[in-house]
Amino acid sequence: GCGKQGEFIQLGADFLEDAVPGEAASRLLGEWAKFRWGVFDQRGYEGDPLYPGTFRDPTTGDEVPNVCSATMGNTSMCASEGHTPEAPTKHNVQCHGRSAWEVISQSQDIFNR
C-alpha cells in the first residue's frame, strides 16, 4: 500500500539487455522508489480503463494527457508542483491524491533526520 515498503524489485532480462544507460538508471531509481517508499506509477496508459492515457481536467474541462507535468530530478516521479491529485493514476488512487514527495517525505528515511 501507499507508504509501505515492497517485498522486491522485479526487472526482466530485457531491462539489462536493451537498456540505454541513462534511461536504465532513471527507470531503476523509479522502481527503487516504488519498492522503498511505497509510491506507484504516476501516469496513465492508452486503452487502460482504470488508469487511462487522458482524462478531463476538472478545472478547465479539457481532455489532457495523464502524465506528470514536472518530475523530480532525472526520475519519472512527480514533483509536488507538477502533481495533479485528480488525475486517475495508480499513485493517486492508492495514496489518496498525495504526491510522491509527500509520501516519501513522511517515511522514516526522511522524517527522522
PDB file of N, CA and C in Angstrom:
ATOM      1  N   GLY A   1       0.800  -1.184   0.000  1.00  0.00           N
ATOM      2  CA  GLY A   1       0.000   0.000   0.000  1.00  0.00           C
ATOM      3  C   GLY A   1       0.852   1.261   0.000  1.00  0.00           C
ATOM      4  N   CYS A   2       0.209   2.356  -0.040  1.00  0.00           N
ATOM      5  CA  CYS A   2       0.880   3.647  -0.084  1.00  0.00           C
ATOM      6  C   CYS A   2       1.758   3.853   1.150  1.00  0.00           C
ATOM      7  N   GLY A   3       3.033   4.202   0.918  1.00  0.00           N
ATOM      8  CA  GLY A   3       3.952   4.480   2.008  1.00  0.00           C
ATOM      9  C   GLY A   3       4.531   3.250   2.674  1.00  0.00           C
ATOM     10  N   LYS A   4       4.183   2.067   2.197  1.00  0.00           N
ATOM     11  CA  LYS A   4       4.693   0.830   2.792  1.00  0.00           C
ATOM     12  C   LYS A   4       5.723   0.194   1.866  1.00  0.00           C
ATOM     13  N   GLN A   5       6.853  -0.216   2.434  1.00  0.00           N
ATOM     14  CA  GLN A   5       7.927  -0.806   1.644  1.00  0.00           C
ATOM     15  C   GLN A   5       7.461  -2.097   0.984  1.00  0.00           C
ATOM     16  N   GLY A   6       7.897  -2.296  -0.261  1.00  0.00           N
ATOM     17  CA  GLY A   6       7.565  -3.504  -1.006  1.00  0.00           C
ATOM     18  C   GLY A   6       8.419  -4.683  -0.579  1.00  0.00           C
ATOM     19  N   GLU A   7       8.197  -5.804  -1.234  1.00  0.00           N
ATOM     20  CA  GLU A   7       8.926  -7.022  -0.912  1.00  0.00           C
ATOM     21  C   GLU A   7      10.109  -7.252  -1.833  1.00  0.00           C
ATOM     22  N   PHE A   8      10.050  -6.786  -3.089  1.00  0.00           N
ATOM     23  CA  PHE A   8      11.146  -6.999  -4.030  1.00  0.00           C
ATOM     24  C   PHE A   8      10.991  -6.060  -5.217  1.00  0.00           C
ATOM     25  N   ILE A   9      12.064  -5.966  -6.005  1.00  0.00           N
ATOM     26  CA  ILE A   9      12.040  -5.250  -7.283  1.00  0.00           C
ATOM     27  C   ILE A   9      12.196  -6.310  -8.354  1.00  0.00           C
ATOM     28  N   GLN A  10      11.332  -6.283  -9.359  1.00  0.00           N
ATOM     29  CA  GLN A  10      11.411  -7.261 -10.434  1.00  0.00           C
ATOM     30  C   GLN A  10      11.793  -6.555 -11.725  1.00  0.00           C
ATOM     31  N   LEU A  11      12.890  -6.978 -12.320  1.00  0.00           N
ATOM     32  CA  LEU A  11      13.331  -6.441 -13.603  1.00  0.00           C
ATOM     33  C   LEU A  11      13.508  -7.613 -14.552  1.00  0.00           C
ATOM     34  N   GLY A  12      12.959  -7.512 -15.740  1.00  0.00           N
ATOM     35  CA  GLY A  12      13.096  -8.572 -16.729  1.00  0.00           C
ATOM     36  C   GLY A  12      14.471  -8.555 -17.374  1.00  0.00           C
ATOM     37  N   ALA A  13      14.819  -9.638 -18.030  1.00  0.00           N
ATOM     38  CA  ALA A  13      16.110  -9.738 -18.717  1.00  0.00           C
ATOM     39  C   ALA A  13      16.241  -8.650 -19.777  1.00  0.00           C
ATOM     40  N   ASP A  14      15.132  -8.288 -20.417  1.00  0.00           N
ATOM     41  CA  ASP A  14      15.171  -7.241 -21.437  1.00  0.00           C
ATOM     42  C   ASP A  14      15.623  -5.901 -20.870  1.00  0.00           C
ATOM     43  N   PHE A  15      15.376  -5.680 -19.582  1.00  0.00           N
ATOM     44  CA  PHE A  15      15.826  -4.433 -18.948  1.00  0.00           C
ATOM     45  C   PHE A  15      17.348  -4.323 -19.046  1.00  0.00           C
ATOM     46  N   LEU A  16      18.044  -5.404 -18.753  1.00  0.00           N
ATOM     47  CA  LEU A  16      19.504  -5.395 -18.791  1.00  0.00           C
ATOM     48  C   LEU A  16      20.043  -5.454 -20.216  1.00  0.00           C
ATOM     49  N   GLU A  17      19.349  -6.165 -21.089  1.00  0.00           N
ATOM     50  CA  GLU A  17      19.827  -6.339 -22.461  1.00  0.00           C
ATOM     51  C   GLU A  17      19.591  -5.117 -23.337  1.00  0.00           C
ATOM     52  N   ASP A  18      18.440  -4.466 -23.192  1.00  0.00           N
ATOM     53  CA  ASP A  18      18.035  -3.399 -24.101  1.00  0.00           C
ATOM     54  C   ASP A  18      18.187  -1.996 -23.535  1.00  0.00           C
ATOM     55  N   ALA A  19      18.592  -1.878 -22.302  1.00  0.00           N
ATOM     56  CA  ALA A  19      18.588  -0.580 -21.626  1.00  0.00           C
ATOM     57  C   ALA A  19      19.671   0.358 -22.140  1.00  0.00           C
ATOM     58  N   VAL A  20      19.284   1.600 -22.360  1.00  0.00           N
ATOM     59  CA  VAL A  20      20.232   2.680 -22.617  1.00  0.00           C
ATOM     60  C   VAL A  20      20.679   3.147 -21.236  1.00  0.00           C
ATOM     61  N   PRO A  21      21.987   3.315 -20.987  1.00  0.00           N
ATOM     62  CA  PRO A  21      22.462   3.583 -19.621  1.00  0.00           C
ATOM     63  C   PRO A  21      21.723   4.670 -18.848  1.00  0.00           C
ATOM     64  N   GLY A  22      21.528   5.850 -19.393  1.00  0.00           N
ATOM     65  CA  GLY A  22      20.842   6.918 -18.665  1.00  0.00           C
ATOM     66  C   GLY A  22      19.394   6.577 -18.380  1.00  0.00           C
ATOM     67  N   GLU A  23      18.716   5.983 -19.355  1.00  0.00           N
ATOM     68  CA  GLU A  23      17.320   5.590 -19.170  1.00  0.00           C
ATOM     69  C   GLU A  23      17.209   4.465 -18.154  1.00  0.00           C
ATOM     70  N   ALA A  24      18.163   3.541 -18.187  1.00  0.00           N
ATOM     71  CA  ALA A  24      18.148   2.419 -17.241  1.00  0.00           C
ATOM     72  C   ALA A  24      18.301   2.925 -15.817  1.00  0.00           C
ATOM     73  N   ALA A  25      19.187   3.880 -15.612  1.00  0.00           N
ATOM     74  CA  ALA A  25      19.401   4.423 -14.268  1.00  0.00           C
ATOM     75  C   ALA A  25      18.137   5.116 -13.759  1.00  0.00           C
ATOM     76  N   SER A  26      17.499   5.890 -14.620  1.00  0.00           N
ATOM     77  CA  SER A  26      16.270   6.586 -14.235  1.00  0.00           C
ATOM     78  C   SER A  26      15.160   5.589 -13.916  1.00  0.00           C
ATOM     79  N   ARG A  27      15.034   4.575 -14.738  1.00  0.00           N
ATOM     80  CA  ARG A  27      13.991   3.567 -14.511  1.00  0.00           C
ATOM     81  C   ARG A  27      14.255   2.770 -13.240  1.00  0.00           C
ATOM     82  N   LEU A  28      15.518   2.421 -13.006  1.00  0.00           N
ATOM     83  CA  LEU A  28      15.870   1.689 -11.787  1.00  0.00           C
ATOM     84  C   LEU A  28      15.591   2.538 -10.550  1.00  0.00           C
ATOM     85  N   LEU A  29      15.881   3.819 -10.615  1.00  0.00           N
ATOM     86  CA  LEU A  29      15.594   4.718  -9.490  1.00  0.00           C
ATOM     87  C   LEU A  29      14.093   4.771  -9.219  1.00  0.00           C
ATOM     88  N   GLY A  30      13.289   4.828 -10.281  1.00  0.00           N
ATOM     89  CA  GLY A  30      11.843   4.824 -10.110  1.00  0.00           C
ATOM     90  C   GLY A  30      11.345   3.536  -9.473  1.00  0.00           C
ATOM     91  N   GLU A  31      11.896   2.405  -9.900  1.00  0.00           N
ATOM     92  CA  GLU A  31      11.498   1.116  -9.312  1.00  0.00           C
ATOM     93  C   GLU A  31      11.946   1.031  -7.850  1.00  0.00           C
ATOM     94  N   TRP A  32      13.122   1.591  -7.553  1.00  0.00           N
ATOM     95  CA  TRP A  32      13.604   1.613  -6.165  1.00  0.00           C
ATOM     96  C   TRP A  32      12.647   2.430  -5.288  1.00  0.00           C
ATOM     97  N   ALA A  33      12.203   3.582  -5.799  1.00  0.00           N
ATOM     98  CA  ALA A  33      11.281   4.430  -5.032  1.00  0.00           C
ATOM     99  C   ALA A  33       9.983   3.684  -4.746  1.00  0.00           C
ATOM    100  N   LYS A  34       9.477   2.966  -5.746  1.00  0.00           N
ATOM    101  CA  LYS A  34       8.252   2.178  -5.525  1.00  0.00           C
ATOM    102  C   LYS A  34       8.483   1.147  -4.427  1.00  0.00           C
ATOM    103  N   PHE A  35       9.627   0.465  -4.499  1.00  0.00           N
ATOM    104  CA  PHE A  35       9.959  -0.566  -3.514  1.00  0.00           C
ATOM    105  C   PHE A  35      10.161   0.030  -2.123  1.00  0.00           C
ATOM    106  N   ARG A  36      11.004   1.022  -2.020  1.00  0.00           N
ATOM    107  CA  ARG A  36      11.421   1.546  -0.719  1.00  0.00           C
ATOM    108  C   ARG A  36      10.346   2.357  -0.021  1.00  0.00           C
ATOM    109  N   TRP A  37       9.659   3.225  -0.790  1.00  0.00           N
ATOM    110  CA  TRP A  37       8.755   4.183  -0.150  1.00  0.00           C
ATOM    111  C   TRP A  37       7.281   3.970  -0.443  1.00  0.00           C
ATOM    112  N   GLY A  38       6.950   2.942  -1.184  1.00  0.00           N
ATOM    113  CA  GLY A  38       5.541   2.659  -1.435  1.00  0.00           C
ATOM    114  C   GLY A  38       4.838   3.698  -2.272  1.00  0.00           C
ATOM    115  N   VAL A  39       5.502   4.139  -3.341  1.00  0.00           N
ATOM    116  CA  VAL A  39       4.847   5.010  -4.310  1.00  0.00           C
ATOM    117  C   VAL A  39       4.525   4.168  -5.549  1.00  0.00           C
ATOM    118  N   PHE A  40       3.696   4.711  -6.437  1.00  0.00           N
ATOM    119  CA  PHE A  40       3.200   3.944  -7.574  1.00  0.00           C
ATOM    120  C   PHE A  40       3.350   4.740  -8.857  1.00  0.00           C
ATOM    121  N   ASP A  41       3.032   4.092  -9.991  1.00  0.00           N
ATOM    122  CA  ASP A  41       3.072   4.784 -11.282  1.00  0.00           C
ATOM    123  C   ASP A  41       2.195   6.017 -11.227  1.00  0.00           C
ATOM    124  N   GLN A  42       2.728   7.102 -11.811  1.00  0.00           N
ATOM    125  CA  GLN A  42       2.036   8.389 -11.766  1.00  0.00           C
ATOM    126  C   GLN A  42       1.675   8.862 -13.155  1.00  0.00           C
ATOM    127  N   ARG A  43       1.220   7.917 -13.959  1.00  0.00           N
ATOM    128  CA  ARG A  43       0.790   8.242 -15.315  1.00  0.00           C
ATOM    129  C   ARG A  43      -0.268   7.241 -15.737  1.00  0.00           C
ATOM    130  N   GLY A  44      -0.958   7.569 -16.811  1.00  0.00           N
ATOM    131  CA  GLY A  44      -1.966   6.680 -17.357  1.00  0.00           C
ATOM    132  C   GLY A  44      -1.425   5.910 -18.546  1.00  0.00           C
ATOM    133  N   TYR A  45      -2.241   4.997 -19.054  1.00  0.00           N
ATOM    134  CA  TYR A  45      -1.845   4.141 -20.173  1.00  0.00           C
ATOM    135  C   TYR A  45      -2.979   4.089 -21.184  1.00  0.00           C
ATOM    136  N   GLU A  46      -2.650   4.270 -22.450  1.00  0.00           N
ATOM    137  CA  GLU A  46      -3.665   4.216 -23.507  1.00  0.00           C
ATOM    138  C   GLU A  46      -4.388   2.880 -23.458  1.00  0.00           C
ATOM    139  N   GLY A  47      -5.707   2.935 -23.507  1.00  0.00           N
ATOM    140  CA  GLY A  47      -6.521   1.734 -23.512  1.00  0.00           C
ATOM    141  C   GLY A  47      -6.790   1.139 -22.140  1.00  0.00           C
ATOM    142  N   ASP A  48      -6.223   1.702 -21.083  1.00  0.00           N
ATOM    143  CA  ASP A  48      -6.435   1.177 -19.731  1.00  0.00           C
ATOM    144  C   ASP A  48      -7.685   1.822 -19.141  1.00  0.00           C
ATOM    145  N   PRO A  49      -8.681   1.014 -18.772  1.00  0.00           N
ATOM    146  CA  PRO A  49      -9.909   1.608 -18.237  1.00  0.00           C
ATOM    147  C   PRO A  49      -9.765   2.191 -16.826  1.00  0.00           C
ATOM    148  N   LEU A  50      -8.807   1.693 -16.030  1.00  0.00           N
ATOM    149  CA  LEU A  50      -8.616   2.220 -14.675  1.00  0.00           C
ATOM    150  C   LEU A  50      -7.714   3.450 -14.647  1.00  0.00           C
ATOM    151  N   TYR A  51      -6.637   3.396 -15.402  1.00  0.00           N
ATOM    152  CA  TYR A  51      -5.650   4.481 -15.416  1.00  0.00           C
ATOM    153  C   TYR A  51      -5.447   4.905 -16.872  1.00  0.00           C
ATOM    154  N   PRO A  52      -6.424   5.636 -17.448  1.00  0.00           N
ATOM    155  CA  PRO A  52      -6.396   5.963 -18.882  1.00  0.00           C
ATOM    156  C   PRO A  52      -5.281   6.938 -19.255  1.00  0.00           C
ATOM    157  N   GLY A  53      -4.955   6.947 -20.540  1.00  0.00           N
ATOM    158  CA  GLY A  53      -3.896   7.824 -21.049  1.00  0.00           C
ATOM    159  C   GLY A  53      -4.254   9.293 -21.030  1.00  0.00           C
ATOM    160  N   THR A  54      -5.546   9.614 -21.026  1.00  0.00           N
ATOM    161  CA  THR A  54      -6.005  11.001 -20.935  1.00  0.00           C
ATOM    162  C   THR A  54      -7.167  11.064 -19.952  1.00  0.00           C
ATOM    163  N   PHE A  55      -7.435  12.267 -19.463  1.00  0.00           N
ATOM    164  CA  PHE A  55      -8.583  12.475 -18.578  1.00  0.00           C
ATOM    165  C   PHE A  55      -9.064  13.914 -18.717  1.00  0.00           C
ATOM    166  N   ARG A  56     -10.260  14.173 -18.248  1.00  0.00           N
ATOM    167  CA  ARG A  56     -10.825  15.519 -18.331  1.00  0.00           C
ATOM    168  C   ARG A  56     -10.382  16.322 -17.110  1.00  0.00           C
ATOM    169  N   ASP A  57      -9.627  17.392 -17.352  1.00  0.00           N
ATOM    170  CA  ASP A  57      -9.139  18.254 -16.279  1.00  0.00           C
ATOM    171  C   ASP A  57     -10.334  18.886 -15.574  1.00  0.00           C
ATOM    172  N   PRO A  58     -10.441  18.719 -14.250  1.00  0.00           N
ATOM    173  CA  PRO A  58     -11.606  19.250 -13.538  1.00  0.00           C
ATOM    174  C   PRO A  58     -11.674  20.778 -13.517  1.00  0.00           C
ATOM    175  N   THR A  59     -10.556  21.440 -13.700  1.00  0.00           N
ATOM    176  CA  THR A  59     -10.533  22.904 -13.682  1.00  0.00           C
ATOM    177  C   THR A  59     -10.947  23.493 -15.022  1.00  0.00           C
ATOM    178  N   THR A  60     -10.370  22.956 -16.110  1.00  0.00           N
ATOM    179  CA  THR A  60     -10.612  23.534 -17.438  1.00  0.00           C
ATOM    180  C   THR A  60     -11.667  22.777 -18.239  1.00  0.00           C
ATOM    181  N   GLY A  61     -11.899  21.508 -17.894  1.00  0.00           N
ATOM    182  CA  GLY A  61     -12.814  20.674 -18.666  1.00  0.00           C
ATOM    183  C   GLY A  61     -12.187  20.109 -19.924  1.00  0.00           C
ATOM    184  N   ASP A  62     -10.906  20.436 -20.159  1.00  0.00           N
ATOM    185  CA  ASP A  62     -10.198  19.948 -21.346  1.00  0.00           C
ATOM    186  C   ASP A  62      -9.703  18.522 -21.138  1.00  0.00           C
ATOM    187  N   GLU A  63      -9.623  17.789 -22.232  1.00  0.00           N
ATOM    188  CA  GLU A  63      -9.027  16.452 -22.220  1.00  0.00           C
ATOM    189  C   GLU A  63      -7.505  16.653 -22.211  1.00  0.00           C
ATOM    190  N   VAL A  64      -6.817  16.110 -21.212  1.00  0.00           N
ATOM    191  CA  VAL A  64      -5.372  16.311 -21.075  1.00  0.00           C
ATOM    192  C   VAL A  64      -4.666  14.968 -20.896  1.00  0.00           C
ATOM    193  N   PRO A  65      -3.379  14.911 -21.264  1.00  0.00           N
ATOM    194  CA  PRO A  65      -2.622  13.677 -21.063  1.00  0.00           C
ATOM    195  C   PRO A  65      -2.509  13.349 -19.570  1.00  0.00           C
ATOM    196  N   ASN A  66      -2.587  12.082 -19.247  1.00  0.00           N
ATOM    197  CA  ASN A  66      -2.488  11.635 -17.857  1.00  0.00           C
ATOM    198  C   ASN A  66      -1.020  11.369 -17.533  1.00  0.00           C
ATOM    199  N   VAL A  67      -0.238  12.446 -17.475  1.00  0.00           N
ATOM    200  CA  VAL A  67       1.188  12.383 -17.170  1.00  0.00           C
ATOM    201  C   VAL A  67       1.529  13.506 -16.196  1.00  0.00           C
ATOM    202  N   CYS A  68       2.663  13.384 -15.579  1.00  0.00           N
ATOM    203  CA  CYS A  68       3.150  14.395 -14.649  1.00  0.00           C
ATOM    204  C   CYS A  68       3.706  15.585 -15.428  1.00  0.00           C
ATOM    205  N   SER A  69       3.441  16.793 -14.967  1.00  0.00           N
ATOM    206  CA  SER A  69       3.948  17.974 -15.664  1.00  0.00           C
ATOM    207  C   SER A  69       5.313  18.430 -15.165  1.00  0.00           C
ATOM    208  N   ALA A  70       5.768  17.945 -14.022  1.00  0.00           N
ATOM    209  CA  ALA A  70       7.099  18.289 -13.501  1.00  0.00           C
ATOM    210  C   ALA A  70       7.610  17.110 -12.682  1.00  0.00           C
ATOM    211  N   THR A  71       8.794  16.625 -13.035  1.00  0.00           N
ATOM    212  CA  THR A  71       9.345  15.468 -12.334  1.00  0.00           C
ATOM    213  C   THR A  71      10.468  15.877 -11.391  1.00  0.00           C
ATOM    214  N   MET A  72      10.798  14.966 -10.478  1.00  0.00           N
ATOM    215  CA  MET A  72      11.874  15.201  -9.520  1.00  0.00           C
ATOM    216  C   MET A  72      13.176  14.715 -10.140  1.00  0.00           C
ATOM    217  N   GLY A  73      14.063  15.655 -10.455  1.00  0.00           N
ATOM    218  CA  GLY A  73      15.363  15.304 -10.993  1.00  0.00           C
ATOM    219  C   GLY A  73      15.251  14.475 -12.260  1.00  0.00           C
ATOM    220  N   ASN A  74      16.067  13.437 -12.358  1.00  0.00           N
ATOM    221  CA  ASN A  74      16.108  12.582 -13.538  1.00  0.00           C
ATOM    222  C   ASN A  74      15.283  11.319 -13.305  1.00  0.00           C
ATOM    223  N   THR A  75      14.082  11.487 -12.753  1.00  0.00           N
ATOM    224  CA  THR A  75      13.231  10.342 -12.458  1.00  0.00           C
ATOM    225  C   THR A  75      11.871  10.550 -13.110  1.00  0.00           C
ATOM    226  N   SER A  76      11.043   9.538 -13.042  1.00  0.00           N
ATOM    227  CA  SER A  76       9.678   9.659 -13.539  1.00  0.00           C
ATOM    228  C   SER A  76       8.713  10.032 -12.415  1.00  0.00           C
ATOM    229  N   MET A  77       9.248  10.267 -11.212  1.00  0.00           N
ATOM    230  CA  MET A  77       8.391  10.619 -10.072  1.00  0.00           C
ATOM    231  C   MET A  77       7.975  12.076 -10.156  1.00  0.00           C
ATOM    232  N   CYS A  78       6.720  12.309  -9.875  1.00  0.00           N
ATOM    233  CA  CYS A  78       6.137  13.638  -9.964  1.00  0.00           C
ATOM    234  C   CYS A  78       6.573  14.511  -8.784  1.00  0.00           C
ATOM    235  N   ALA A  79       7.057  15.699  -9.102  1.00  0.00           N
ATOM    236  CA  ALA A  79       7.346  16.678  -8.054  1.00  0.00           C
ATOM    237  C   ALA A  79       6.026  17.238  -7.554  1.00  0.00           C
ATOM    238  N   SER A  80       5.999  17.742  -6.348  1.00  0.00           N
ATOM    239  CA  SER A  80       4.749  18.268  -5.771  1.00  0.00           C
ATOM    240  C   SER A  80       4.117  19.324  -6.660  1.00  0.00           C
ATOM    241  N   GLU A  81       4.932  20.212  -7.252  1.00  0.00           N
ATOM    242  CA  GLU A  81       4.364  21.287  -8.071  1.00  0.00           C
ATOM    243  C   GLU A  81       3.828  20.782  -9.413  1.00  0.00           C
ATOM    244  N   GLY A  82       4.199  19.594  -9.846  1.00  0.00           N
ATOM    245  CA  GLY A  82       3.686  19.039 -11.094  1.00  0.00           C
ATOM    246  C   GLY A  82       2.615  17.988 -10.878  1.00  0.00           C
ATOM    247  N   HIS A  83       2.236  17.780  -9.643  1.00  0.00           N
ATOM    248  CA  HIS A  83       1.289  16.722  -9.301  1.00  0.00           C
ATOM    249  C   HIS A  83      -0.159  17.187  -9.464  1.00  0.00           C
ATOM    250  N   THR A  84      -0.963  16.351 -10.104  1.00  0.00           N
ATOM    251  CA  THR A  84      -2.394  16.630 -10.259  1.00  0.00           C
ATOM    252  C   THR A  84      -3.152  15.578  -9.460  1.00  0.00           C
ATOM    253  N   PRO A  85      -3.625  15.915  -8.258  1.00  0.00           N
ATOM    254  CA  PRO A  85      -4.270  14.932  -7.393  1.00  0.00           C
ATOM    255  C   PRO A  85      -5.504  14.271  -7.991  1.00  0.00           C
ATOM    256  N   GLU A  86      -6.177  14.958  -8.924  1.00  0.00           N
ATOM    257  CA  GLU A  86      -7.390  14.423  -9.529  1.00  0.00           C
ATOM    258  C   GLU A  86      -7.118  13.451 -10.668  1.00  0.00           C
ATOM    259  N   ALA A  87      -5.885  13.398 -11.152  1.00  0.00           N
ATOM    260  CA  ALA A  87      -5.568  12.523 -12.287  1.00  0.00           C
ATOM    261  C   ALA A  87      -5.776  11.059 -11.893  1.00  0.00           C
ATOM    262  N   PRO A  88      -6.386  10.269 -12.767  1.00  0.00           N
ATOM    263  CA  PRO A  88      -6.637   8.861 -12.460  1.00  0.00           C
ATOM    264  C   PRO A  88      -5.396   7.997 -12.668  1.00  0.00           C
ATOM    265  N   THR A  89      -4.472   8.067 -11.701  1.00  0.00           N
ATOM    266  CA  THR A  89      -3.258   7.245 -11.737  1.00  0.00           C
ATOM    267  C   THR A  89      -3.297   6.265 -10.574  1.00  0.00           C
ATOM    268  N   LYS A  90      -2.514   5.210 -10.680  1.00  0.00           N
ATOM    269  CA  LYS A  90      -2.457   4.240  -9.590  1.00  0.00           C
ATOM    270  C   LYS A  90      -1.972   4.915  -8.314  1.00  0.00           C
ATOM    271  N   HIS A  91      -1.000   5.807  -8.443  1.00  0.00           N
ATOM    272  CA  HIS A  91      -0.478   6.502  -7.268  1.00  0.00           C
ATOM    273  C   HIS A  91      -1.571   7.317  -6.577  1.00  0.00           C
ATOM    274  N   ASN A  92      -2.325   8.099  -7.336  1.00  0.00           N
ATOM    275  CA  ASN A  92      -3.379   8.926  -6.730  1.00  0.00           C
ATOM    276  C   ASN A  92      -4.454   8.083  -6.070  1.00  0.00           C
ATOM    277  N   VAL A  93      -4.806   6.975  -6.687  1.00  0.00           N
ATOM    278  CA  VAL A  93      -5.821   6.098  -6.099  1.00  0.00           C
ATOM    279  C   VAL A  93      -5.307   5.489  -4.798  1.00  0.00           C
ATOM    280  N   GLN A  94      -4.100   4.935  -4.831  1.00  0.00           N
ATOM    281  CA  GLN A  94      -3.546   4.267  -3.656  1.00  0.00           C
ATOM    282  C   GLN A  94      -3.175   5.249  -2.540  1.00  0.00           C
ATOM    283  N   CYS A  95      -2.751   6.448  -2.913  1.00  0.00           N
ATOM    284  CA  CYS A  95      -2.246   7.417  -1.925  1.00  0.00           C
ATOM    285  C   CYS A  95      -3.200   8.589  -1.706  1.00  0.00           C
ATOM    286  N   HIS A  96      -4.440   8.446  -2.125  1.00  0.00           N
ATOM    287  CA  HIS A  96      -5.495   9.448  -1.884  1.00  0.00           C
ATOM    288  C   HIS A  96      -5.096  10.841  -2.350  1.00  0.00           C
ATOM    289  N   GLY A  97      -4.464  10.919  -3.537  1.00  0.00           N
ATOM    290  CA  GLY A  97      -4.147  12.201  -4.142  1.00  0.00           C
ATOM    291  C   GLY A  97      -2.876  12.875  -3.659  1.00  0.00           C
ATOM    292  N   ARG A  98      -2.171  12.268  -2.711  1.00  0.00           N
ATOM    293  CA  ARG A  98      -0.908  12.875  -2.248  1.00  0.00           C
ATOM    294  C   ARG A  98       0.183  12.679  -3.301  1.00  0.00           C
ATOM    295  N   SER A  99       1.095  13.620  -3.415  1.00  0.00           N
ATOM    296  CA  SER A  99       2.197  13.490  -4.368  1.00  0.00           C
ATOM    297  C   SER A  99       3.211  12.465  -3.855  1.00  0.00           C
ATOM    298  N   ALA A 100       4.051  11.992  -4.765  1.00  0.00           N
ATOM    299  CA  ALA A 100       5.098  11.047  -4.379  1.00  0.00           C
ATOM    300  C   ALA A 100       5.999  11.668  -3.312  1.00  0.00           C
ATOM    301  N   TRP A 101       6.347  12.940  -3.483  1.00  0.00           N
ATOM    302  CA  TRP A 101       7.215  13.579  -2.500  1.00  0.00           C
ATOM    303  C   TRP A 101       6.553  13.660  -1.128  1.00  0.00           C
ATOM    304  N   GLU A 102       5.250  13.905  -1.077  1.00  0.00           N
ATOM    305  CA  GLU A 102       4.556  13.914   0.212  1.00  0.00           C
ATOM    306  C   GLU A 102       4.672  12.558   0.899  1.00  0.00           C
ATOM    307  N   VAL A 103       4.518  11.490   0.142  1.00  0.00           N
ATOM    308  CA  VAL A 103       4.626  10.142   0.705  1.00  0.00           C
ATOM    309  C   VAL A 103       6.058   9.869   1.153  1.00  0.00           C
ATOM    310  N   ILE A 104       7.029  10.163   0.292  1.00  0.00           N
ATOM    311  CA  ILE A 104       8.438   9.903   0.604  1.00  0.00           C
ATOM    312  C   ILE A 104       8.887  10.724   1.808  1.00  0.00           C
ATOM    313  N   SER A 105       8.477  11.992   1.864  1.00  0.00           N
ATOM    314  CA  SER A 105       8.937  12.864   2.956  1.00  0.00           C
ATOM    315  C   SER A 105       8.369  12.458   4.314  1.00  0.00           C
ATOM    316  N   GLN A 106       7.326  11.641   4.326  1.00  0.00           N
ATOM    317  CA  GLN A 106       6.779  11.147   5.588  1.00  0.00           C
ATOM    318  C   GLN A 106       7.360   9.802   5.992  1.00  0.00           C
ATOM    319  N   SER A 107       8.307   9.285   5.188  1.00  0.00           N
ATOM    320  CA  SER A 107       8.930   7.993   5.510  1.00  0.00           C
ATOM    321  C   SER A 107       9.936   8.177   6.654  1.00  0.00           C
ATOM    322  N   GLN A 108      10.272   7.099   7.287  1.00  0.00           N
ATOM    323  CA  GLN A 108      11.259   7.140   8.363  1.00  0.00           C
ATOM    324  C   GLN A 108      12.626   7.585   7.851  1.00  0.00           C
ATOM    325  N   ASP A 109      12.931   7.318   6.593  1.00  0.00           N
ATOM    326  CA  ASP A 109      14.211   7.737   6.000  1.00  0.00           C
ATOM    327  C   ASP A 109      14.381   9.247   6.072  1.00  0.00           C
ATOM    328  N   ILE A 110      13.329   9.975   5.844  1.00  0.00           N
ATOM    329  CA  ILE A 110      13.378  11.431   5.807  1.00  0.00           C
ATOM    330  C   ILE A 110      12.906  12.044   7.115  1.00  0.00           C
ATOM    331  N   PHE A 111      11.798  11.560   7.638  1.00  0.00           N
ATOM    332  CA  PHE A 111      11.145  12.149   8.793  1.00  0.00           C
ATOM    333  C   PHE A 111      12.019  12.143  10.044  1.00  0.00           C
ATOM    334  N   ASN A 112      12.836  11.127  10.246  1.00  0.00           N
ATOM    335  CA  ASN A 112      13.650  11.005  11.459  1.00  0.00           C
ATOM    336  C   ASN A 112      14.996  11.694  11.368  1.00  0.00           C
ATOM    337  N   ARG A 113      15.227  12.483  10.351  1.00  0.00           N
ATOM    338  CA  ARG A 113      16.536  13.140  10.191  1.00  0.00           C
ATOM    339  C   ARG A 113      16.653  14.325  11.078  1.00  0.00           C
TER     340      ARG A 113
END
